[in-house]
PDB file of N, CA and C in Angstrom:
ATOM      1  N   MET A   1     122.466  50.182  83.383  1.00  0.00           N
ATOM      2  CA  MET A   1     122.942  50.027  82.021  1.00  0.00           C
ATOM      3  C   MET A   1     121.909  49.227  81.219  1.00  0.00           C
ATOM      4  N   ASN A   2     122.348  48.187  80.563  1.00  0.00           N
ATOM      5  CA  ASN A   2     121.416  47.393  79.777  1.00  0.00           C
ATOM      6  C   ASN A   2     121.697  45.902  80.008  1.00  0.00           C
ATOM      7  N   PHE A   3     120.945  45.068  79.337  1.00  0.00           N
ATOM      8  CA  PHE A   3     121.029  43.627  79.560  1.00  0.00           C
ATOM      9  C   PHE A   3     122.416  43.071  79.228  1.00  0.00           C
ATOM     10  N   CYS A   4     123.015  43.504  78.115  1.00  0.00           N
ATOM     11  CA  CYS A   4     124.340  42.993  77.728  1.00  0.00           C
ATOM     12  C   CYS A   4     125.388  43.323  78.785  1.00  0.00           C
ATOM     13  N   THR A   5     125.339  44.527  79.308  1.00  0.00           N
ATOM     14  CA  THR A   5     126.308  44.937  80.328  1.00  0.00           C
ATOM     15  C   THR A   5     126.134  44.105  81.590  1.00  0.00           C
ATOM     16  N   ARG A   6     124.907  43.944  82.019  1.00  0.00           N
ATOM     17  CA  ARG A   6     124.638  43.153  83.229  1.00  0.00           C
ATOM     18  C   ARG A   6     125.021  41.687  83.049  1.00  0.00           C
ATOM     19  N   LEU A   7     124.660  41.125  81.916  1.00  0.00           N
ATOM     20  CA  LEU A   7     125.003  39.730  81.651  1.00  0.00           C
ATOM     21  C   LEU A   7     126.516  39.553  81.580  1.00  0.00           C
ATOM     22  N   GLY A   8     127.201  40.492  80.925  1.00  0.00           N
ATOM     23  CA  GLY A   8     128.660  40.423  80.840  1.00  0.00           C
ATOM     24  C   GLY A   8     129.309  40.495  82.212  1.00  0.00           C
ATOM     25  N   GLY A   9     128.819  41.375  83.060  1.00  0.00           N
ATOM     26  CA  GLY A   9     129.345  41.463  84.417  1.00  0.00           C
ATOM     27  C   GLY A   9     129.099  40.200  85.211  1.00  0.00           C
ATOM     28  N   PHE A  10     127.918  39.640  85.065  1.00  0.00           N
ATOM     29  CA  PHE A  10     127.589  38.393  85.768  1.00  0.00           C
ATOM     30  C   PHE A  10     128.495  37.249  85.305  1.00  0.00           C
ATOM     31  N   LEU A  11     128.634  37.116  83.986  1.00  0.00           N
ATOM     32  CA  LEU A  11     129.483  36.039  83.460  1.00  0.00           C
ATOM     33  C   LEU A  11     130.936  36.214  83.894  1.00  0.00           C
ATOM     34  N   SER A  12     131.414  37.437  83.888  1.00  0.00           N
ATOM     35  CA  SER A  12     132.808  37.704  84.217  1.00  0.00           C
ATOM     36  C   SER A  12     133.088  37.530  85.711  1.00  0.00           C
ATOM     37  N   ARG A  13     132.247  38.132  86.553  1.00  0.00           N
ATOM     38  CA  ARG A  13     132.530  38.127  87.992  1.00  0.00           C
ATOM     39  C   ARG A  13     132.027  36.888  88.716  1.00  0.00           C
ATOM     40  N   ARG A  14     130.822  36.461  88.400  1.00  0.00           N
ATOM     41  CA  ARG A  14     130.215  35.363  89.165  1.00  0.00           C
ATOM     42  C   ARG A  14     130.610  33.976  88.647  1.00  0.00           C
ATOM     43  N   LEU A  15     130.640  33.856  87.337  1.00  0.00           N
ATOM     44  CA  LEU A  15     130.893  32.522  86.767  1.00  0.00           C
ATOM     45  C   LEU A  15     132.333  32.322  86.301  1.00  0.00           C
ATOM     46  N   GLY A  16     133.102  33.398  86.261  1.00  0.00           N
ATOM     47  CA  GLY A  16     134.504  33.263  85.891  1.00  0.00           C
ATOM     48  C   GLY A  16     134.771  33.240  84.402  1.00  0.00           C
ATOM     49  N   PHE A  17     133.764  33.506  83.574  1.00  0.00           N
ATOM     50  CA  PHE A  17     133.959  33.558  82.116  1.00  0.00           C
ATOM     51  C   PHE A  17     134.394  34.980  81.737  1.00  0.00           C
ATOM     52  N   VAL A  18     135.617  35.314  82.096  1.00  0.00           N
ATOM     53  CA  VAL A  18     136.111  36.679  81.953  1.00  0.00           C
ATOM     54  C   VAL A  18     136.173  37.097  80.485  1.00  0.00           C
ATOM     55  N   TYR A  19     136.692  36.219  79.626  1.00  0.00           N
ATOM     56  CA  TYR A  19     136.866  36.558  78.217  1.00  0.00           C
ATOM     57  C   TYR A  19     135.523  36.933  77.588  1.00  0.00           C
ATOM     58  N   LEU A  20     134.524  36.100  77.769  1.00  0.00           N
ATOM     59  CA  LEU A  20     133.201  36.350  77.193  1.00  0.00           C
ATOM     60  C   LEU A  20     132.486  37.498  77.923  1.00  0.00           C
ATOM     61  N   GLY A  21     132.581  37.506  79.241  1.00  0.00           N
ATOM     62  CA  GLY A  21     131.881  38.512  80.036  1.00  0.00           C
ATOM     63  C   GLY A  21     132.328  39.934  79.738  1.00  0.00           C
ATOM     64  N   ARG A  22     133.631  40.128  79.621  1.00  0.00           N
ATOM     65  CA  ARG A  22     134.132  41.472  79.338  1.00  0.00           C
ATOM     66  C   ARG A  22     133.699  41.956  77.961  1.00  0.00           C
ATOM     67  N   ARG A  23     133.673  41.075  77.006  1.00  0.00           N
ATOM     68  CA  ARG A  23     133.250  41.471  75.666  1.00  0.00           C
ATOM     69  C   ARG A  23     131.764  41.826  75.632  1.00  0.00           C
ATOM     70  N   LEU A  24     130.951  41.077  76.342  1.00  0.00           N
ATOM     71  CA  LEU A  24     129.523  41.403  76.411  1.00  0.00           C
ATOM     72  C   LEU A  24     129.304  42.730  77.148  1.00  0.00           C
ATOM     73  N   ALA A  25     130.041  42.941  78.228  1.00  0.00           N
ATOM     74  CA  ALA A  25     129.912  44.196  78.962  1.00  0.00           C
ATOM     75  C   ALA A  25     130.332  45.374  78.088  1.00  0.00           C
ATOM     76  N   ALA A  26     131.421  45.223  77.351  1.00  0.00           N
ATOM     77  CA  ALA A  26     131.883  46.285  76.453  1.00  0.00           C
ATOM     78  C   ALA A  26     130.855  46.561  75.359  1.00  0.00           C
ATOM     79  N   LEU A  27     130.249  45.516  74.811  1.00  0.00           N
ATOM     80  CA  LEU A  27     129.214  45.691  73.794  1.00  0.00           C
ATOM     81  C   LEU A  27     128.021  46.457  74.373  1.00  0.00           C
ATOM     82  N   GLY A  28     127.616  46.125  75.601  1.00  0.00           N
ATOM     83  CA  GLY A  28     126.505  46.825  76.244  1.00  0.00           C
ATOM     84  C   GLY A  28     126.815  48.298  76.483  1.00  0.00           C
ATOM     85  N   ILE A  29     128.039  48.581  76.913  1.00  0.00           N
ATOM     86  CA  ILE A  29     128.439  49.970  77.132  1.00  0.00           C
ATOM     87  C   ILE A  29     128.473  50.720  75.807  1.00  0.00           C
ATOM     88  N   TRP A  30     128.995  50.088  74.778  1.00  0.00           N
ATOM     89  CA  TRP A  30     129.061  50.734  73.458  1.00  0.00           C
ATOM     90  C   TRP A  30     127.665  51.064  72.947  1.00  0.00           C
ATOM     91  N   ARG A  31     126.715  50.130  73.144  1.00  0.00           N
ATOM     92  CA  ARG A  31     125.335  50.377  72.708  1.00  0.00           C
ATOM     93  C   ARG A  31     124.676  51.497  73.510  1.00  0.00           C
ATOM     94  N   ALA A  32     125.051  51.630  74.781  1.00  0.00           N
ATOM     95  CA  ALA A  32     124.430  52.640  75.641  1.00  0.00           C
ATOM     96  C   ALA A  32     125.184  53.967  75.623  1.00  0.00           C
ATOM     97  N   LEU A  33     126.238  54.067  74.827  1.00  0.00           N
ATOM     98  CA  LEU A  33     127.087  55.255  74.836  1.00  0.00           C
ATOM     99  C   LEU A  33     126.318  56.537  74.542  1.00  0.00           C
ATOM    100  N   LYS A  34     125.434  56.516  73.585  1.00  0.00           N
ATOM    101  CA  LYS A  34     124.669  57.715  73.248  1.00  0.00           C
ATOM    102  C   LYS A  34     123.830  58.170  74.443  1.00  0.00           C
ATOM    103  N   ARG A  35     123.203  57.215  75.110  1.00  0.00           N
ATOM    104  CA  ARG A  35     122.375  57.536  76.267  1.00  0.00           C
ATOM    105  C   ARG A  35     123.245  58.051  77.429  1.00  0.00           C
ATOM    106  N   ILE A  36     124.425  57.471  77.593  1.00  0.00           N
ATOM    107  CA  ILE A  36     125.342  57.912  78.642  1.00  0.00           C
ATOM    108  C   ILE A  36     125.777  59.351  78.382  1.00  0.00           C
ATOM    109  N   LYS A  37     126.104  59.660  77.123  1.00  0.00           N
ATOM    110  CA  LYS A  37     126.510  61.030  76.778  1.00  0.00           C
ATOM    111  C   LYS A  37     125.387  62.020  77.070  1.00  0.00           C
ATOM    112  N   GLU A  38     124.152  61.650  76.754  1.00  0.00           N
ATOM    113  CA  GLU A  38     123.015  62.528  77.024  1.00  0.00           C
ATOM    114  C   GLU A  38     122.843  62.766  78.525  1.00  0.00           C
ATOM    115  N   CYS A  39     123.014  61.717  79.328  1.00  0.00           N
ATOM    116  CA  CYS A  39     122.895  61.851  80.782  1.00  0.00           C
ATOM    117  C   CYS A  39     123.986  62.769  81.340  1.00  0.00           C
ATOM    118  N   VAL A  40     125.199  62.605  80.837  1.00  0.00           N
ATOM    119  CA  VAL A  40     126.305  63.457  81.284  1.00  0.00           C
ATOM    120  C   VAL A  40     126.038  64.905  80.906  1.00  0.00           C
ATOM    121  N   GLN A  41     125.563  65.138  79.694  1.00  0.00           N
ATOM    122  CA  GLN A  41     125.265  66.505  79.246  1.00  0.00           C
ATOM    123  C   GLN A  41     124.166  67.133  80.101  1.00  0.00           C
ATOM    124  N   GLN A  42     123.130  66.365  80.420  1.00  0.00           N
ATOM    125  CA  GLN A  42     122.055  66.876  81.269  1.00  0.00           C
ATOM    126  C   GLN A  42     122.573  67.209  82.667  1.00  0.00           C
ATOM    127  N   ALA A  43     123.455  66.369  83.194  1.00  0.00           N
ATOM    128  CA  ALA A  43     124.029  66.624  84.518  1.00  0.00           C
ATOM    129  C   ALA A  43     124.873  67.897  84.504  1.00  0.00           C
ATOM    130  N   LYS A  44     125.630  68.115  83.416  1.00  0.00           N
ATOM    131  CA  LYS A  44     126.430  69.331  83.296  1.00  0.00           C
ATOM    132  C   LYS A  44     125.540  70.569  83.271  1.00  0.00           C
ATOM    133  N   VAL A  45     124.459  70.514  82.501  1.00  0.00           N
ATOM    134  CA  VAL A  45     123.536  71.654  82.395  1.00  0.00           C
ATOM    135  C   VAL A  45     122.915  71.950  83.760  1.00  0.00           C
ATOM    136  N   GLN A  46     122.490  70.920  84.478  1.00  0.00           N
ATOM    137  CA  GLN A  46     121.884  71.113  85.790  1.00  0.00           C
ATOM    138  C   GLN A  46     122.891  71.686  86.781  1.00  0.00           C
ATOM    139  N   ALA A  47     124.131  71.193  86.735  1.00  0.00           N
ATOM    140  CA  ALA A  47     125.167  71.714  87.635  1.00  0.00           C
ATOM    141  C   ALA A  47     125.470  73.174  87.339  1.00  0.00           C
ATOM    142  N   GLU A  48     125.526  73.535  86.050  1.00  0.00           N
ATOM    143  CA  GLU A  48     125.770  74.934  85.687  1.00  0.00           C
ATOM    144  C   GLU A  48     124.641  75.833  86.157  1.00  0.00           C
ATOM    145  N   LYS A  49     123.397  75.363  86.043  1.00  0.00           N
ATOM    146  CA  LYS A  49     122.253  76.156  86.510  1.00  0.00           C
ATOM    147  C   LYS A  49     122.337  76.377  88.015  1.00  0.00           C
ATOM    148  N   LYS A  50     122.656  75.308  88.769  1.00  0.00           N
ATOM    149  CA  LYS A  50     122.770  75.443  90.219  1.00  0.00           C
ATOM    150  C   LYS A  50     123.915  76.370  90.578  1.00  0.00           C
ATOM    151  N   TYR A  51     125.038  76.232  89.861  1.00  0.00           N
ATOM    152  CA  TYR A  51     126.209  77.068  90.133  1.00  0.00           C
ATOM    153  C   TYR A  51     125.886  78.538  89.883  1.00  0.00           C
ATOM    154  N   LYS A  52     125.226  78.830  88.766  1.00  0.00           N
ATOM    155  CA  LYS A  52     124.876  80.214  88.446  1.00  0.00           C
ATOM    156  C   LYS A  52     123.875  80.776  89.441  1.00  0.00           C
ATOM    157  N   ALA A  53     122.972  79.925  89.925  1.00  0.00           N
ATOM    158  CA  ALA A  53     121.983  80.395  90.892  1.00  0.00           C
ATOM    159  C   ALA A  53     122.632  80.709  92.241  1.00  0.00           C
ATOM    160  N   LEU A  54     123.694  79.978  92.587  1.00  0.00           N
ATOM    161  CA  LEU A  54     124.342  80.185  93.876  1.00  0.00           C
ATOM    162  C   LEU A  54     125.448  81.227  93.839  1.00  0.00           C
ATOM    163  N   THR A  55     125.905  81.579  92.644  1.00  0.00           N
ATOM    164  CA  THR A  55     127.046  82.484  92.522  1.00  0.00           C
ATOM    165  C   THR A  55     126.580  83.910  92.307  1.00  0.00           C
ATOM    166  N   CYS A  56     127.150  84.797  93.058  1.00  0.00           N
ATOM    167  CA  CYS A  56     126.873  86.221  92.917  1.00  0.00           C
ATOM    168  C   CYS A  56     128.224  86.912  92.896  1.00  0.00           C
ATOM    169  N   SER A  57     128.567  87.553  91.801  1.00  0.00           N
ATOM    170  CA  SER A  57     129.866  88.204  91.662  1.00  0.00           C
ATOM    171  C   SER A  57     129.677  89.709  91.716  1.00  0.00           C
ATOM    172  N   ARG A  58     130.600  90.393  92.392  1.00  0.00           N
ATOM    173  CA  ARG A  58     130.513  91.843  92.443  1.00  0.00           C
ATOM    174  C   ARG A  58     131.911  92.443  92.427  1.00  0.00           C
ATOM    175  N   LYS A  59     132.008  93.610  91.816  1.00  0.00           N
ATOM    176  CA  LYS A  59     133.267  94.347  91.735  1.00  0.00           C
ATOM    177  C   LYS A  59     133.285  95.365  92.866  1.00  0.00           C
ATOM    178  N   ILE A  60     134.441  95.465  93.518  1.00  0.00           N
ATOM    179  CA  ILE A  60     134.620  96.415  94.609  1.00  0.00           C
ATOM    180  C   ILE A  60     135.876  97.218  94.305  1.00  0.00           C
ATOM    181  N   GLU A  61     135.800  98.531  94.469  1.00  0.00           N
ATOM    182  CA  GLU A  61     136.982  99.373  94.257  1.00  0.00           C
ATOM    183  C   GLU A  61     137.309 100.090  95.550  1.00  0.00           C
ATOM    184  N   HIS A  62     138.597 100.068  95.917  1.00  0.00           N
ATOM    185  CA  HIS A  62     139.046 100.775  97.119  1.00  0.00           C
ATOM    186  C   HIS A  62     140.457 101.300  96.879  1.00  0.00           C
ATOM    187  N   ASN A  63     140.646 102.583  96.965  1.00  0.00           N
ATOM    188  CA  ASN A  63     141.946 103.221  96.769  1.00  0.00           C
ATOM    189  C   ASN A  63     142.624 102.783  95.477  1.00  0.00           C
ATOM    190  N   GLY A  64     141.890 102.729  94.387  1.00  0.00           N
ATOM    191  CA  GLY A  64     142.457 102.388  93.086  1.00  0.00           C
ATOM    192  C   GLY A  64     142.670 100.907  92.864  1.00  0.00           C
ATOM    193  N   THR A  65     142.278 100.056  93.799  1.00  0.00           N
ATOM    194  CA  THR A  65     142.412  98.614  93.648  1.00  0.00           C
ATOM    195  C   THR A  65     141.039  98.022  93.398  1.00  0.00           C
ATOM    196  N   ASP A  66     140.900  97.263  92.314  1.00  0.00           N
ATOM    197  CA  ASP A  66     139.640  96.602  91.998  1.00  0.00           C
ATOM    198  C   ASP A  66     139.685  95.169  92.525  1.00  0.00           C
ATOM    199  N   LEU A  67     138.673  94.797  93.286  1.00  0.00           N
ATOM    200  CA  LEU A  67     138.543  93.431  93.778  1.00  0.00           C
ATOM    201  C   LEU A  67     137.291  92.817  93.187  1.00  0.00           C
ATOM    202  N   THR A  68     137.331  91.546  92.887  1.00  0.00           N
ATOM    203  CA  THR A  68     136.133  90.814  92.514  1.00  0.00           C
ATOM    204  C   THR A  68     135.858  89.821  93.623  1.00  0.00           C
ATOM    205  N   ALA A  69     134.703  89.957  94.257  1.00  0.00           N
ATOM    206  CA  ALA A  69     134.328  89.068  95.350  1.00  0.00           C
ATOM    207  C   ALA A  69     133.142  88.226  94.902  1.00  0.00           C
ATOM    208  N   GLN A  70     133.152  86.969  95.267  1.00  0.00           N
ATOM    209  CA  GLN A  70     132.060  86.067  94.911  1.00  0.00           C
ATOM    210  C   GLN A  70     131.575  85.348  96.144  1.00  0.00           C
ATOM    211  N   LYS A  71     130.283  85.114  96.164  1.00  0.00           N
ATOM    212  CA  LYS A  71     129.678  84.297  97.200  1.00  0.00           C
ATOM    213  C   LYS A  71     129.085  83.093  96.486  1.00  0.00           C
ATOM    214  N   ALA A  72     129.472  81.890  96.871  1.00  0.00           N
ATOM    215  CA  ALA A  72     128.990  80.709  96.172  1.00  0.00           C
ATOM    216  C   ALA A  72     128.926  79.524  97.117  1.00  0.00           C
ATOM    217  N   GLY A  73     128.126  78.548  96.737  1.00  0.00           N
ATOM    218  CA  GLY A  73     128.007  77.323  97.514  1.00  0.00           C
ATOM    219  C   GLY A  73     129.025  76.282  97.124  1.00  0.00           C
ATOM    220  N   PHE A  74     129.788  76.521  96.070  1.00  0.00           N
ATOM    221  CA  PHE A  74     130.794  75.570  95.613  1.00  0.00           C
ATOM    222  C   PHE A  74     132.176  76.081  95.957  1.00  0.00           C
ATOM    223  N   ASP A  75     133.133  75.183  95.993  1.00  0.00           N
ATOM    224  CA  ASP A  75     134.513  75.558  96.271  1.00  0.00           C
ATOM    225  C   ASP A  75     135.082  76.276  95.061  1.00  0.00           C
ATOM    226  N   LEU A  76     135.410  77.544  95.216  1.00  0.00           N
ATOM    227  CA  LEU A  76     135.947  78.362  94.139  1.00  0.00           C
ATOM    228  C   LEU A  76     137.398  78.693  94.422  1.00  0.00           C
ATOM    229  N   PRO A  77     138.158  79.038  93.375  1.00  0.00           N
ATOM    230  CA  PRO A  77     139.511  79.524  93.629  1.00  0.00           C
ATOM    231  C   PRO A  77     139.461  80.885  94.309  1.00  0.00           C
ATOM    232  N   GLY A  78     140.544  81.279  94.915  1.00  0.00           N
ATOM    233  CA  GLY A  78     140.597  82.577  95.569  1.00  0.00           C
ATOM    234  C   GLY A  78     140.721  82.439  97.063  1.00  0.00           C
ATOM    235  N   LEU A  79     140.656  83.564  97.733  1.00  0.00           N
ATOM    236  CA  LEU A  79     140.797  83.597  99.183  1.00  0.00           C
ATOM    237  C   LEU A  79     139.433  83.778  99.832  1.00  0.00           C
ATOM    238  N   GLU A  80     139.092  82.877 100.723  1.00  0.00           N
ATOM    239  CA  GLU A  80     137.826  82.985 101.439  1.00  0.00           C
ATOM    240  C   GLU A  80     138.021  83.859 102.668  1.00  0.00           C
ATOM    241  N   ILE A  81     137.099  84.776 102.874  1.00  0.00           N
ATOM    242  CA  ILE A  81     137.153  85.648 104.034  1.00  0.00           C
ATOM    243  C   ILE A  81     136.564  84.896 105.217  1.00  0.00           C
ATOM    244  N   ALA A  82     137.383  84.726 106.255  1.00  0.00           N
ATOM    245  CA  ALA A  82     136.946  83.977 107.428  1.00  0.00           C
ATOM    246  C   ALA A  82     136.246  84.880 108.445  1.00  0.00           C
ATOM    247  N   ARG A  83     136.835  86.053 108.678  1.00  0.00           N
ATOM    248  CA  ARG A  83     136.259  86.993 109.647  1.00  0.00           C
ATOM    249  C   ARG A  83     136.368  88.414 109.115  1.00  0.00           C
ATOM    250  N   VAL A  84     135.456  89.265 109.557  1.00  0.00           N
ATOM    251  CA  VAL A  84     135.496  90.681 109.198  1.00  0.00           C
ATOM    252  C   VAL A  84     135.310  91.475 110.481  1.00  0.00           C
ATOM    253  N   CYS A  85     136.307  92.296 110.818  1.00  0.00           N
ATOM    254  CA  CYS A  85     136.213  93.139 112.013  1.00  0.00           C
ATOM    255  C   CYS A  85     135.249  94.295 111.758  1.00  0.00           C
ATOM    256  N   ALA A  86     134.600  94.746 112.799  1.00  0.00           N
ATOM    257  CA  ALA A  86     133.591  95.803 112.673  1.00  0.00           C
ATOM    258  C   ALA A  86     134.185  97.120 112.183  1.00  0.00           C
ATOM    259  N   ASP A  87     135.429  97.428 112.566  1.00  0.00           N
ATOM    260  CA  ASP A  87     136.036  98.707 112.200  1.00  0.00           C
ATOM    261  C   ASP A  87     136.985  98.582 111.011  1.00  0.00           C
ATOM    262  N   SER A  88     136.776  97.598 110.149  1.00  0.00           N
ATOM    263  CA  SER A  88     137.712  97.342 109.049  1.00  0.00           C
ATOM    264  C   SER A  88     137.191  97.884 107.715  1.00  0.00           C
ATOM    265  N   ILE A  89     138.104  97.973 106.770  1.00  0.00           N
ATOM    266  CA  ILE A  89     137.747  98.390 105.410  1.00  0.00           C
ATOM    267  C   ILE A  89     136.832  97.344 104.775  1.00  0.00           C
ATOM    268  N   ALA A  90     137.096  96.067 105.046  1.00  0.00           N
ATOM    269  CA  ALA A  90     136.260  94.999 104.487  1.00  0.00           C
ATOM    270  C   ALA A  90     134.811  95.162 104.915  1.00  0.00           C
ATOM    271  N   ASN A  91     134.589  95.552 106.172  1.00  0.00           N
ATOM    272  CA  ASN A  91     133.231  95.782 106.660  1.00  0.00           C
ATOM    273  C   ASN A  91     132.595  96.964 105.936  1.00  0.00           C
ATOM    274  N   GLU A  92     133.356  98.038 105.740  1.00  0.00           N
ATOM    275  CA  GLU A  92     132.853  99.204 105.018  1.00  0.00           C
ATOM    276  C   GLU A  92     132.483  98.860 103.580  1.00  0.00           C
ATOM    277  N   LEU A  93     133.250  97.935 102.963  1.00  0.00           N
ATOM    278  CA  LEU A  93     132.984  97.543 101.580  1.00  0.00           C
ATOM    279  C   LEU A  93     131.846  96.528 101.467  1.00  0.00           C
ATOM    280  N   GLY A  94     131.364  96.014 102.592  1.00  0.00           N
ATOM    281  CA  GLY A  94     130.243  95.077 102.566  1.00  0.00           C
ATOM    282  C   GLY A  94     130.647  93.623 102.427  1.00  0.00           C
ATOM    283  N   LEU A  95     131.931  93.323 102.647  1.00  0.00           N
ATOM    284  CA  LEU A  95     132.362  91.935 102.593  1.00  0.00           C
ATOM    285  C   LEU A  95     131.926  91.231 103.873  1.00  0.00           C
ATOM    286  N   VAL A  96     131.554  89.960 103.742  1.00  0.00           N
ATOM    287  CA  VAL A  96     131.112  89.172 104.883  1.00  0.00           C
ATOM    288  C   VAL A  96     131.862  87.848 104.895  1.00  0.00           C
ATOM    289  N   PRO A  97     131.948  87.188 106.053  1.00  0.00           N
ATOM    290  CA  PRO A  97     132.593  85.878 106.089  1.00  0.00           C
ATOM    291  C   PRO A  97     131.935  84.920 105.093  1.00  0.00           C
ATOM    292  N   GLY A  98     132.750  84.193 104.359  1.00  0.00           N
ATOM    293  CA  GLY A  98     132.245  83.285 103.329  1.00  0.00           C
ATOM    294  C   GLY A  98     132.450  83.825 101.922  1.00  0.00           C
ATOM    295  N   ASP A  99     132.558  85.160 101.787  1.00  0.00           N
ATOM    296  CA  ASP A  99     132.869  85.736 100.475  1.00  0.00           C
ATOM    297  C   ASP A  99     134.266  85.303 100.069  1.00  0.00           C
ATOM    298  N   ARG A 100     134.503  85.243  98.762  1.00  0.00           N
ATOM    299  CA  ARG A 100     135.825  84.890  98.239  1.00  0.00           C
ATOM    300  C   ARG A 100     136.324  86.019  97.363  1.00  0.00           C
ATOM    301  N   ILE A 101     137.567  86.423  97.563  1.00  0.00           N
ATOM    302  CA  ILE A 101     138.203  87.385  96.670  1.00  0.00           C
ATOM    303  C   ILE A 101     138.872  86.563  95.580  1.00  0.00           C
ATOM    304  N   THR A 102     138.373  86.700  94.350  1.00  0.00           N
ATOM    305  CA  THR A 102     138.852  85.867  93.246  1.00  0.00           C
ATOM    306  C   THR A 102     139.738  86.626  92.272  1.00  0.00           C
ATOM    307  N   GLU A 103     139.657  87.955  92.239  1.00  0.00           N
ATOM    308  CA  GLU A 103     140.482  88.753  91.331  1.00  0.00           C
ATOM    309  C   GLU A 103     140.929  90.023  92.034  1.00  0.00           C
ATOM    310  N   VAL A 104     142.148  90.452  91.715  1.00  0.00           N
ATOM    311  CA  VAL A 104     142.658  91.745  92.160  1.00  0.00           C
ATOM    312  C   VAL A 104     143.178  92.458  90.928  1.00  0.00           C
ATOM    313  N   ASN A 105     142.604  93.628  90.634  1.00  0.00           N
ATOM    314  CA  ASN A 105     142.959  94.404  89.437  1.00  0.00           C
ATOM    315  C   ASN A 105     142.877  93.561  88.160  1.00  0.00           C
ATOM    316  N   GLY A 106     141.877  92.695  88.079  1.00  0.00           N
ATOM    317  CA  GLY A 106     141.653  91.894  86.877  1.00  0.00           C
ATOM    318  C   GLY A 106     142.503  90.650  86.770  1.00  0.00           C
ATOM    319  N   LYS A 107     143.378  90.407  87.747  1.00  0.00           N
ATOM    320  CA  LYS A 107     144.234  89.216  87.718  1.00  0.00           C
ATOM    321  C   LYS A 107     143.667  88.167  88.663  1.00  0.00           C
ATOM    322  N   PRO A 108     143.563  86.904  88.224  1.00  0.00           N
ATOM    323  CA  PRO A 108     143.026  85.854  89.096  1.00  0.00           C
ATOM    324  C   PRO A 108     143.880  85.689  90.352  1.00  0.00           C
ATOM    325  N   LEU A 109     143.222  85.444  91.444  1.00  0.00           N
ATOM    326  CA  LEU A 109     143.892  85.263  92.719  1.00  0.00           C
ATOM    327  C   LEU A 109     143.698  83.817  93.149  1.00  0.00           C
ATOM    328  N   GLU A 110     144.760  83.038  93.115  1.00  0.00           N
ATOM    329  CA  GLU A 110     144.679  81.617  93.457  1.00  0.00           C
ATOM    330  C   GLU A 110     144.892  81.388  94.955  1.00  0.00           C
ATOM    331  N   ASP A 111     145.864  82.079  95.548  1.00  0.00           N
ATOM    332  CA  ASP A 111     146.171  81.888  96.958  1.00  0.00           C
ATOM    333  C   ASP A 111     146.798  83.149  97.519  1.00  0.00           C
ATOM    334  N   LEU A 112     147.136  83.130  98.785  1.00  0.00           N
ATOM    335  CA  LEU A 112     147.686  84.301  99.456  1.00  0.00           C
ATOM    336  C   LEU A 112     149.027  84.714  98.872  1.00  0.00           C
ATOM    337  N   ILE A 113     149.817  83.759  98.388  1.00  0.00           N
ATOM    338  CA  ILE A 113     151.126  84.064  97.817  1.00  0.00           C
ATOM    339  C   ILE A 113     150.973  84.902  96.551  1.00  0.00           C
ATOM    340  N   ALA A 114     149.923  84.657  95.787  1.00  0.00           N
ATOM    341  CA  ALA A 114     149.703  85.385  94.536  1.00  0.00           C
ATOM    342  C   ALA A 114     149.238  86.823  94.779  1.00  0.00           C
ATOM    343  N   LEU A 115     148.837  87.117  95.994  1.00  0.00           N
ATOM    344  CA  LEU A 115     148.349  88.458  96.311  1.00  0.00           C
ATOM    345  C   LEU A 115     149.526  89.422  96.338  1.00  0.00           C
ATOM    346  N   SER A 116     149.485  90.437  95.467  1.00  0.00           N
ATOM    347  CA  SER A 116     150.595  91.383  95.381  1.00  0.00           C
ATOM    348  C   SER A 116     150.386  92.601  96.260  1.00  0.00           C
ATOM    349  N   LEU A 117     149.257  92.661  96.954  1.00  0.00           N
ATOM    350  CA  LEU A 117     148.981  93.763  97.868  1.00  0.00           C
ATOM    351  C   LEU A 117     149.564  93.456  99.241  1.00  0.00           C
ATOM    352  N   PRO A 118     149.841  94.481 100.056  1.00  0.00           N
ATOM    353  CA  PRO A 118     150.293  94.192 101.417  1.00  0.00           C
ATOM    354  C   PRO A 118     149.214  93.427 102.175  1.00  0.00           C
ATOM    355  N   VAL A 119     149.605  92.409 102.893  1.00  0.00           N
ATOM    356  CA  VAL A 119     148.672  91.587 103.642  1.00  0.00           C
ATOM    357  C   VAL A 119     148.503  92.187 105.036  1.00  0.00           C
ATOM    358  N   PRO A 120     147.265  92.357 105.509  1.00  0.00           N
ATOM    359  CA  PRO A 120     147.061  92.910 106.840  1.00  0.00           C
ATOM    360  C   PRO A 120     147.651  92.004 107.910  1.00  0.00           C
ATOM    361  N   THR A 121     148.164  92.612 108.967  1.00  0.00           N
ATOM    362  CA  THR A 121     148.768  91.823 110.035  1.00  0.00           C
ATOM    363  C   THR A 121     147.758  91.470 111.107  1.00  0.00           C
ATOM    364  N   ARG A 122     146.596  92.092 111.083  1.00  0.00           N
ATOM    365  CA  ARG A 122     145.565  91.757 112.083  1.00  0.00           C
ATOM    366  C   ARG A 122     145.006  90.384 111.780  1.00  0.00           C
ATOM    367  N   SER A 123     144.306  89.803 112.773  1.00  0.00           N
ATOM    368  CA  SER A 123     143.768  88.460 112.604  1.00  0.00           C
ATOM    369  C   SER A 123     142.550  88.412 111.708  1.00  0.00           C
ATOM    370  N   CYS A 124     142.007  89.560 111.351  1.00  0.00           N
ATOM    371  CA  CYS A 124     140.892  89.596 110.419  1.00  0.00           C
ATOM    372  C   CYS A 124     140.963  90.873 109.603  1.00  0.00           C
ATOM    373  N   LEU A 125     140.289  90.869 108.445  1.00  0.00           N
ATOM    374  CA  LEU A 125     140.312  92.037 107.564  1.00  0.00           C
ATOM    375  C   LEU A 125     139.404  93.131 108.077  1.00  0.00           C
TER     376      LEU A 125
END
């Protein structure tokens, strides 16, 4: 931060001058607010760039059902595919473990309960 913030923290925590220390710390934060906002904005831009670089979205159609599958390094909503059997439809469609099904027929898929399609009874898709 800056000198006012550090001095305020020192006075408040180390010397027990809470009334004065908190006001100095608040003044230091207020003065640094513009710089803090810029740092937060830069962090958001960098995170979005990394997210876009790691995310690959693709549409898959099978028997009139449209699926949107994404592969990403971040935790996304949807169902993550844990396993794909060699003789399965998922294998034919090119899905691999780690892919996430995020949409079915254009509707967001949050969890298995939201899935309106019949769920396979096998241990993998």
